[in-house]
Every structure is written in C-alpha cells, then in structure tokens.
Amino acid sequence: MTTRPDRGGDPPSRPPGVPAIPAQPGPEAAPAGAAPTPPVTADATAGAEPAPEGLATTAGTDPEADAARRPDRAQYGVVAFLVLVGGFVIFDATTRVGSAINTADPIGPKPVPILLGVLLLVIAVIYAVDVARGGAGEPEAGEDVDLSLPIDWRTVLLLVGAFLVNAVLIERLGWVISGTILFWGSAYALGNRHYVRNLLIAVALSLITFYTFAIGLGVDLPAGVLQGIL
C-alpha cells in the first residue's frame, strides 16, 4: 500500500540518474543543424599579435635561392665571344668572299656565311637576355668529379704521349700502325689493363677508319710500311 501510487501510497524512491558526459573537443564534424564556423579573414587577423620571431617565415631569405636568381655575369663572356665570332664571319663574308662566278651557281658563296653570322648574333642576344633574367644551365647529372682532388698528371701525360707518338709515326709507319698505338695507348692511359683485347680492338679500329676514309670519303690516309699490302 505504501509503495503503490494507485492505492494511495507514495511512489517508491528511485536511484539518481547518471549525469550526461560532456562532449570532448576534437576534430569531429559539427552536429547537424549547427551554424558553420565563419572563415578567418584578413580583417579578423588585423589586430592579432605578430608571430614570435623564431616562427617568422623565412621566404626570400635563403642565400642559395637568392644566388640562383642573381645573373651569372661570367656568362656575358660567352655572349661577347658569340658577338665577336658572328661579326667576324659577316665581315669576312662581305669583304673577302667573292660573288657568283657562273650561271650554275647564281647564289654564290656569300649567303651561307652571312646567314651563320646573323644566327650567331641572334643567339648572343637571346643568351644575354636569358642571363640577365637569371637563367642558368643545369649542372651535369652524369658527372661525378671531386674538384678537391689533385690533377692526375700521369694520365694526362700518357694521353699526350700517345697523341705525340701517333703524330710522329703516322708518315713513317702508316695510319694503321700509328693508329693502333694511339688507340691502345689511350686505353692504357685511362686505366684499362686488358692488353690483348685492347690490341685487337685497336687494330680493328685502325683498319675500319683507314678504309672508311679511303673508300667512303676518298681521302687516302698514309699507308707507310704497309703500302701495297692494304
């Protein structure tokens, strides 16, 4: 009777309800129906405090980037060289080269060197504009040279010696023999130690170049001691 409201009693006591857990801040999306957050504009950040000095942006303060944007004035030497060569070619073509001498050649020998000189001047102008705008060629990706190492004078002297021996012996021994010495000596100077294989390759290259010049180009290389055999 005392626990039943329908019979005149008081309602039974109930345990207190569990309180709701407050929502935690996080990246979750806003609930449906909520007003969207307005974007931050320049007017909203006008009165904001400046960022600390350590967090300031470093854009435009990279010395390597600034150096890359500055023109490489050494390239103007190449521009000057192109201008000199182009001007000399045009001057030589207009003062020393003759005109057409027969009806079979109505153009004559002047137009080609003049055209080449003009093209050199045009290339010089384009190159100068590119250098002034900060253009620079990309470094060679295939080269792996340590500039801090000294020059390998032994290799340089061996290569020079191979060319000198070829120049001295080409008339006496002929191109096939002197060319063989040149090719074999160059391979040895560059560090190749396959002596027999290099000798066979050198002989083959000498013979191929000898007959290529003689048959293909009509230029007879010196045969030397092999005259009448080749």
C-alpha atoms as a PDB file:
ATOM      1  CA  MET A   1       0.000   0.000   0.000  1.00  0.00           C
ATOM      2  CA  THR A   2       2.765   2.402   0.851  1.00  0.00           C
ATOM      3  CA  THR A   3       4.668   1.730  -2.339  1.00  0.00           C
ATOM      4  CA  ARG A   4       1.829   1.814  -4.860  1.00  0.00           C
ATOM      5  CA  PRO A   5       0.538   5.207  -6.017  1.00  0.00           C
ATOM      6  CA  ASP A   6      -2.645   3.682  -7.358  1.00  0.00           C
ATOM      7  CA  ARG A   7      -3.522   2.576  -3.833  1.00  0.00           C
ATOM      8  CA  GLY A   8      -2.890   5.887  -2.080  1.00  0.00           C
ATOM      9  CA  GLY A   9       0.751   5.342  -1.184  1.00  0.00           C
ATOM     10  CA  ASP A  10       3.852   7.357  -2.049  1.00  0.00           C
ATOM     11  CA  PRO A  11       5.849   6.406  -5.119  1.00  0.00           C
ATOM     12  CA  PRO A  12       8.918   4.290  -4.419  1.00  0.00           C
ATOM     13  CA  SER A  13      12.278   6.009  -4.267  1.00  0.00           C
ATOM     14  CA  ARG A  14      14.488   5.671  -7.391  1.00  0.00           C
ATOM     15  CA  PRO A  15      18.267   5.962  -7.679  1.00  0.00           C
ATOM     16  CA  PRO A  16      19.541   9.269  -9.090  1.00  0.00           C
ATOM     17  CA  GLY A  17      20.050   9.394 -12.843  1.00  0.00           C
ATOM     18  CA  VAL A  18      23.520   9.099 -14.389  1.00  0.00           C
ATOM     19  CA  PRO A  19      24.749  12.572 -15.488  1.00  0.00           C
ATOM     20  CA  ALA A  20      25.408  13.061 -19.161  1.00  0.00           C
ATOM     21  CA  ILE A  21      29.059  13.021 -20.265  1.00  0.00           C
ATOM     22  CA  PRO A  22      30.041  16.413 -21.714  1.00  0.00           C
ATOM     23  CA  ALA A  23      31.259  16.420 -25.329  1.00  0.00           C
ATOM     24  CA  GLN A  24      35.010  16.397 -25.717  1.00  0.00           C
ATOM     25  CA  PRO A  25      36.707  18.866 -28.093  1.00  0.00           C
ATOM     26  CA  GLY A  26      38.126  17.194 -31.183  1.00  0.00           C
ATOM     27  CA  PRO A  27      38.144  17.135 -34.972  1.00  0.00           C
ATOM     28  CA  GLU A  28      34.697  15.611 -35.130  1.00  0.00           C
ATOM     29  CA  ALA A  29      32.319  17.227 -37.546  1.00  0.00           C
ATOM     30  CA  ALA A  30      29.783  19.697 -36.163  1.00  0.00           C
ATOM     31  CA  PRO A  31      26.347  18.237 -35.398  1.00  0.00           C
ATOM     32  CA  ALA A  32      23.606  18.550 -37.919  1.00  0.00           C
ATOM     33  CA  GLY A  33      21.890  21.889 -37.823  1.00  0.00           C
ATOM     34  CA  ALA A  34      24.760  23.729 -36.171  1.00  0.00           C
ATOM     35  CA  ALA A  35      25.840  27.040 -37.629  1.00  0.00           C
ATOM     36  CA  PRO A  36      29.056  26.769 -39.724  1.00  0.00           C
ATOM     37  CA  THR A  37      32.155  28.437 -38.384  1.00  0.00           C
ATOM     38  CA  PRO A  38      32.902  31.599 -40.387  1.00  0.00           C
ATOM     39  CA  PRO A  39      36.243  31.595 -42.252  1.00  0.00           C
ATOM     40  CA  VAL A  40      39.090  33.653 -40.910  1.00  0.00           C
ATOM     41  CA  THR A  41      39.645  36.760 -43.000  1.00  0.00           C
ATOM     42  CA  ALA A  42      42.347  39.387 -43.167  1.00  0.00           C
ATOM     43  CA  ASP A  43      40.132  41.819 -41.214  1.00  0.00           C
ATOM     44  CA  ALA A  44      39.753  39.293 -38.412  1.00  0.00           C
ATOM     45  CA  THR A  45      43.500  38.872 -38.084  1.00  0.00           C
ATOM     46  CA  ALA A  46      44.352  42.563 -38.461  1.00  0.00           C
ATOM     47  CA  GLY A  47      44.519  43.113 -34.736  1.00  0.00           C
ATOM     48  CA  ALA A  48      46.128  39.780 -33.879  1.00  0.00           C
ATOM     49  CA  GLU A  49      49.516  39.754 -32.232  1.00  0.00           C
ATOM     50  CA  PRO A  50      52.503  39.078 -34.547  1.00  0.00           C
ATOM     51  CA  ALA A  51      54.034  35.634 -34.545  1.00  0.00           C
ATOM     52  CA  PRO A  52      57.135  35.121 -32.431  1.00  0.00           C
ATOM     53  CA  GLU A  53      60.434  35.916 -34.075  1.00  0.00           C
ATOM     54  CA  GLY A  54      61.517  32.270 -34.184  1.00  0.00           C
ATOM     55  CA  LEU A  55      58.358  31.315 -36.064  1.00  0.00           C
ATOM     56  CA  ALA A  56      58.610  34.059 -38.675  1.00  0.00           C
ATOM     57  CA  THR A  57      58.638  32.897 -42.263  1.00  0.00           C
ATOM     58  CA  THR A  58      61.979  32.581 -43.999  1.00  0.00           C
ATOM     59  CA  ALA A  59      60.719  33.058 -47.551  1.00  0.00           C
ATOM     60  CA  GLY A  60      63.114  35.126 -49.582  1.00  0.00           C
ATOM     61  CA  THR A  61      65.956  34.798 -47.081  1.00  0.00           C
ATOM     62  CA  ASP A  62      67.559  31.633 -48.475  1.00  0.00           C
ATOM     63  CA  PRO A  63      71.046  32.659 -49.667  1.00  0.00           C
ATOM     64  CA  GLU A  64      71.247  29.780 -52.166  1.00  0.00           C
ATOM     65  CA  ALA A  65      67.914  30.754 -53.726  1.00  0.00           C
ATOM     66  CA  ASP A  66      68.958  34.394 -53.888  1.00  0.00           C
ATOM     67  CA  ALA A  67      72.263  33.410 -55.526  1.00  0.00           C
ATOM     68  CA  ALA A  68      70.401  31.277 -58.066  1.00  0.00           C
ATOM     69  CA  ARG A  69      68.213  34.250 -59.001  1.00  0.00           C
ATOM     70  CA  ARG A  70      71.160  36.600 -59.487  1.00  0.00           C
ATOM     71  CA  PRO A  71      72.557  36.675 -63.050  1.00  0.00           C
ATOM     72  CA  ASP A  72      75.824  34.872 -63.663  1.00  0.00           C
ATOM     73  CA  ARG A  73      77.917  37.725 -65.064  1.00  0.00           C
ATOM     74  CA  ALA A  74      80.618  35.320 -66.215  1.00  0.00           C
ATOM     75  CA  GLN A  75      78.227  34.121 -68.919  1.00  0.00           C
ATOM     76  CA  TYR A  76      78.437  37.528 -70.562  1.00  0.00           C
ATOM     77  CA  GLY A  77      81.911  36.479 -71.705  1.00  0.00           C
ATOM     78  CA  VAL A  78      80.294  33.752 -73.797  1.00  0.00           C
ATOM     79  CA  VAL A  79      77.874  36.341 -75.175  1.00  0.00           C
ATOM     80  CA  ALA A  80      80.774  38.607 -76.145  1.00  0.00           C
ATOM     81  CA  PHE A  81      82.553  35.690 -77.817  1.00  0.00           C
ATOM     82  CA  LEU A  82      79.462  34.864 -79.897  1.00  0.00           C
ATOM     83  CA  VAL A  83      79.146  38.502 -80.934  1.00  0.00           C
ATOM     84  CA  LEU A  84      82.796  38.669 -81.987  1.00  0.00           C
ATOM     85  CA  VAL A  85      82.628  35.434 -83.977  1.00  0.00           C
ATOM     86  CA  GLY A  86      79.352  36.415 -85.660  1.00  0.00           C
ATOM     87  CA  GLY A  87      80.655  39.853 -86.540  1.00  0.00           C
ATOM     88  CA  PHE A  88      83.909  38.453 -87.920  1.00  0.00           C
ATOM     89  CA  VAL A  89      82.072  35.900 -90.075  1.00  0.00           C
ATOM     90  CA  ILE A  90      79.817  38.590 -91.533  1.00  0.00           C
ATOM     91  CA  PHE A  91      82.757  40.943 -92.119  1.00  0.00           C
ATOM     92  CA  ASP A  92      84.814  38.221 -93.788  1.00  0.00           C
ATOM     93  CA  ALA A  93      81.903  37.140 -95.976  1.00  0.00           C
ATOM     94  CA  THR A  94      81.148  40.660 -97.175  1.00  0.00           C
ATOM     95  CA  THR A  95      84.742  41.777 -97.818  1.00  0.00           C
ATOM     96  CA  ARG A  96      86.756  38.727 -98.835  1.00  0.00           C
ATOM     97  CA  VAL A  97      84.350  36.155-100.231  1.00  0.00           C
ATOM     98  CA  GLY A  98      83.668  36.624-103.929  1.00  0.00           C
ATOM     99  CA  SER A  99      80.362  36.716-105.723  1.00  0.00           C
ATOM    100  CA  ALA A 100      78.824  34.210-108.108  1.00  0.00           C
ATOM    101  CA  ILE A 101      81.133  33.401-110.987  1.00  0.00           C
ATOM    102  CA  ASN A 102      78.832  31.424-113.295  1.00  0.00           C
ATOM    103  CA  THR A 103      75.190  30.792-114.001  1.00  0.00           C
ATOM    104  CA  ALA A 104      75.352  27.326-112.449  1.00  0.00           C
ATOM    105  CA  ASP A 105      75.784  28.949-109.039  1.00  0.00           C
ATOM    106  CA  PRO A 106      73.630  32.103-109.046  1.00  0.00           C
ATOM    107  CA  ILE A 107      73.683  32.444-105.252  1.00  0.00           C
ATOM    108  CA  GLY A 108      77.419  32.370-104.723  1.00  0.00           C
ATOM    109  CA  PRO A 109      79.393  31.636-101.569  1.00  0.00           C
ATOM    110  CA  LYS A 110      78.363  34.746 -99.586  1.00  0.00           C
ATOM    111  CA  PRO A 111      74.853  33.950 -98.291  1.00  0.00           C
ATOM    112  CA  VAL A 112      75.776  30.936 -96.161  1.00  0.00           C
ATOM    113  CA  PRO A 113      78.480  32.607 -94.004  1.00  0.00           C
ATOM    114  CA  ILE A 114      76.357  35.749 -93.697  1.00  0.00           C
ATOM    115  CA  LEU A 115      73.424  33.636 -92.510  1.00  0.00           C
ATOM    116  CA  LEU A 116      75.643  31.859 -89.991  1.00  0.00           C
ATOM    117  CA  GLY A 117      76.966  35.185 -88.695  1.00  0.00           C
ATOM    118  CA  VAL A 118      73.461  36.579 -88.272  1.00  0.00           C
ATOM    119  CA  LEU A 119      72.356  33.426 -86.429  1.00  0.00           C
ATOM    120  CA  LEU A 120      75.331  33.771 -84.073  1.00  0.00           C
ATOM    121  CA  LEU A 121      74.334  37.353 -83.291  1.00  0.00           C
ATOM    122  CA  VAL A 122      70.719  36.326 -82.671  1.00  0.00           C
ATOM    123  CA  ILE A 123      71.838  33.533 -80.339  1.00  0.00           C
ATOM    124  CA  ALA A 124      74.066  36.017 -78.481  1.00  0.00           C
ATOM    125  CA  VAL A 125      71.139  38.392 -77.926  1.00  0.00           C
ATOM    126  CA  ILE A 126      68.823  35.603 -76.718  1.00  0.00           C
ATOM    127  CA  TYR A 127      71.524  34.255 -74.442  1.00  0.00           C
ATOM    128  CA  ALA A 128      72.206  37.711 -72.969  1.00  0.00           C
ATOM    129  CA  VAL A 129      68.512  38.205 -72.190  1.00  0.00           C
ATOM    130  CA  ASP A 130      68.326  34.790 -70.556  1.00  0.00           C
ATOM    131  CA  VAL A 131      71.391  35.502 -68.401  1.00  0.00           C
ATOM    132  CA  ALA A 132      70.012  38.916 -67.380  1.00  0.00           C
ATOM    133  CA  ARG A 133      66.792  37.231 -66.234  1.00  0.00           C
ATOM    134  CA  GLY A 134      68.709  34.826 -64.008  1.00  0.00           C
ATOM    135  CA  GLY A 135      68.761  31.835 -66.310  1.00  0.00           C
ATOM    136  CA  ALA A 136      71.444  29.248 -65.646  1.00  0.00           C
ATOM    137  CA  GLY A 137      72.248  25.875 -67.081  1.00  0.00           C
ATOM    138  CA  GLU A 138      71.614  22.775 -65.013  1.00  0.00           C
ATOM    139  CA  PRO A 139      74.687  21.017 -63.652  1.00  0.00           C
ATOM    140  CA  GLU A 140      75.755  17.815 -65.320  1.00  0.00           C
ATOM    141  CA  ALA A 141      73.896  14.988 -63.616  1.00  0.00           C
ATOM    142  CA  GLY A 142      76.167  12.305 -65.065  1.00  0.00           C
ATOM    143  CA  GLU A 143      79.416  13.864 -63.918  1.00  0.00           C
ATOM    144  CA  ASP A 144      80.847  12.709 -60.604  1.00  0.00           C
ATOM    145  CA  VAL A 145      84.004  14.768 -60.240  1.00  0.00           C
ATOM    146  CA  ASP A 146      85.579  15.667 -56.935  1.00  0.00           C
ATOM    147  CA  LEU A 147      87.098  19.086 -57.539  1.00  0.00           C
ATOM    148  CA  SER A 148      89.069  18.866 -54.318  1.00  0.00           C
ATOM    149  CA  LEU A 149      91.308  16.081 -55.691  1.00  0.00           C
ATOM    150  CA  PRO A 150      94.553  16.997 -57.467  1.00  0.00           C
ATOM    151  CA  ILE A 151      95.009  16.574 -61.223  1.00  0.00           C
ATOM    152  CA  ASP A 152      96.062  13.102 -62.346  1.00  0.00           C
ATOM    153  CA  TRP A 153      99.130  14.242 -64.269  1.00  0.00           C
ATOM    154  CA  ARG A 154     100.188  10.670 -65.042  1.00  0.00           C
ATOM    155  CA  THR A 155      97.031  10.031 -67.060  1.00  0.00           C
ATOM    156  CA  VAL A 156      97.290  13.404 -68.785  1.00  0.00           C
ATOM    157  CA  LEU A 157     100.925  12.856 -69.776  1.00  0.00           C
ATOM    158  CA  LEU A 158     100.242   9.334 -71.044  1.00  0.00           C
ATOM    159  CA  LEU A 159      97.414  10.604 -73.276  1.00  0.00           C
ATOM    160  CA  VAL A 160      99.581  13.432 -74.603  1.00  0.00           C
ATOM    161  CA  GLY A 161     102.374  10.938 -75.273  1.00  0.00           C
ATOM    162  CA  ALA A 162     100.056   8.637 -77.224  1.00  0.00           C
ATOM    163  CA  PHE A 163      98.958  11.511 -79.482  1.00  0.00           C
ATOM    164  CA  LEU A 164     102.543  12.699 -79.995  1.00  0.00           C
ATOM    165  CA  VAL A 165     103.727   9.196 -80.952  1.00  0.00           C
ATOM    166  CA  ASN A 166     100.881   8.964 -83.454  1.00  0.00           C
ATOM    167  CA  ALA A 167     101.787  12.353 -84.956  1.00  0.00           C
ATOM    168  CA  VAL A 168     105.477  11.383 -85.322  1.00  0.00           C
ATOM    169  CA  LEU A 169     104.973   7.865 -86.707  1.00  0.00           C
ATOM    170  CA  ILE A 170     101.924   8.314 -88.938  1.00  0.00           C
ATOM    171  CA  GLU A 171     104.008   9.177 -92.028  1.00  0.00           C
ATOM    172  CA  ARG A 172     106.727   6.578 -91.424  1.00  0.00           C
ATOM    173  CA  LEU A 173     104.729   3.592 -90.229  1.00  0.00           C
ATOM    174  CA  GLY A 174     101.332   4.498 -91.641  1.00  0.00           C
ATOM    175  CA  TRP A 175      97.986   5.161 -90.042  1.00  0.00           C
ATOM    176  CA  VAL A 176      97.152   1.542 -89.308  1.00  0.00           C
ATOM    177  CA  ILE A 177     100.215   1.081 -87.082  1.00  0.00           C
ATOM    178  CA  SER A 178     100.282   4.566 -85.573  1.00  0.00           C
ATOM    179  CA  GLY A 179      96.507   4.495 -85.039  1.00  0.00           C
ATOM    180  CA  THR A 180      96.819   1.157 -83.291  1.00  0.00           C
ATOM    181  CA  ILE A 181      99.407   2.659 -80.946  1.00  0.00           C
ATOM    182  CA  LEU A 182      97.124   5.675 -80.372  1.00  0.00           C
ATOM    183  CA  PHE A 183      94.035   3.619 -79.500  1.00  0.00           C
ATOM    184  CA  TRP A 184      95.909   1.070 -77.401  1.00  0.00           C
ATOM    185  CA  GLY A 185      97.901   3.753 -75.571  1.00  0.00           C
ATOM    186  CA  SER A 186      94.772   5.797 -74.826  1.00  0.00           C
ATOM    187  CA  ALA A 187      93.046   2.771 -73.313  1.00  0.00           C
ATOM    188  CA  TYR A 188      96.120   2.039 -71.205  1.00  0.00           C
ATOM    189  CA  ALA A 189      96.337   5.660 -70.018  1.00  0.00           C
ATOM    190  CA  LEU A 190      92.696   5.587 -68.941  1.00  0.00           C
ATOM    191  CA  GLY A 191      93.275   2.516 -66.788  1.00  0.00           C
ATOM    192  CA  ASN A 192      92.227  -0.418 -68.979  1.00  0.00           C
ATOM    193  CA  ARG A 193      94.580  -3.364 -68.455  1.00  0.00           C
ATOM    194  CA  HIS A 194      93.133  -5.884 -70.948  1.00  0.00           C
ATOM    195  CA  TYR A 195      96.212  -5.697 -73.138  1.00  0.00           C
ATOM    196  CA  VAL A 196      95.435  -8.376 -75.751  1.00  0.00           C
ATOM    197  CA  ARG A 197      91.786  -7.444 -76.144  1.00  0.00           C
ATOM    198  CA  ASN A 198      92.650  -3.751 -76.413  1.00  0.00           C
ATOM    199  CA  LEU A 199      95.274  -4.544 -79.069  1.00  0.00           C
ATOM    200  CA  LEU A 200      92.742  -6.433 -81.199  1.00  0.00           C
ATOM    201  CA  ILE A 201      90.184  -3.611 -80.840  1.00  0.00           C
ATOM    202  CA  ALA A 202      92.840  -1.003 -81.721  1.00  0.00           C
ATOM    203  CA  VAL A 203      93.850  -2.863 -84.891  1.00  0.00           C
ATOM    204  CA  ALA A 204      90.200  -3.222 -85.917  1.00  0.00           C
ATOM    205  CA  LEU A 205      89.506   0.479 -85.349  1.00  0.00           C
ATOM    206  CA  SER A 206      92.583   1.490 -87.337  1.00  0.00           C
ATOM    207  CA  LEU A 207      91.620  -0.684 -90.304  1.00  0.00           C
ATOM    208  CA  ILE A 208      87.991   0.472 -90.221  1.00  0.00           C
ATOM    209  CA  THR A 209      88.947   4.159 -90.174  1.00  0.00           C
ATOM    210  CA  PHE A 210      91.595   3.617 -92.891  1.00  0.00           C
ATOM    211  CA  TYR A 211      89.153   2.054 -95.353  1.00  0.00           C
ATOM    212  CA  THR A 212      86.304   4.413 -94.336  1.00  0.00           C
ATOM    213  CA  PHE A 213      88.385   7.433 -95.313  1.00  0.00           C
ATOM    214  CA  ALA A 214      89.762   5.776 -98.450  1.00  0.00           C
ATOM    215  CA  ILE A 215      86.510   4.321 -99.801  1.00  0.00           C
ATOM    216  CA  GLY A 216      83.785   6.404 -98.226  1.00  0.00           C
ATOM    217  CA  LEU A 217      85.399   9.864 -98.311  1.00  0.00           C
ATOM    218  CA  GLY A 218      88.038   9.442-100.976  1.00  0.00           C
ATOM    219  CA  VAL A 219      90.825  10.530 -98.599  1.00  0.00           C
ATOM    220  CA  ASP A 220      93.904   8.326 -98.537  1.00  0.00           C
ATOM    221  CA  LEU A 221      95.486   8.057 -95.102  1.00  0.00           C
ATOM    222  CA  PRO A 222      99.210   7.288 -95.033  1.00  0.00           C
ATOM    223  CA  ALA A 223      99.867   3.563 -95.501  1.00  0.00           C
ATOM    224  CA  GLY A 224     103.551   3.735 -94.508  1.00  0.00           C
ATOM    225  CA  VAL A 225     105.358   0.405 -94.378  1.00  0.00           C
ATOM    226  CA  LEU A 226     102.121  -1.343 -95.302  1.00  0.00           C
ATOM    227  CA  GLN A 227     101.953   0.362 -98.715  1.00  0.00           C
ATOM    228  CA  GLY A 228     100.898  -2.234-101.280  1.00  0.00           C
ATOM    229  CA  ILE A 229      99.517  -4.569 -98.627  1.00  0.00           C
ATOM    230  CA  LEU A 230      96.435  -2.616 -97.603  1.00  0.00           C
END
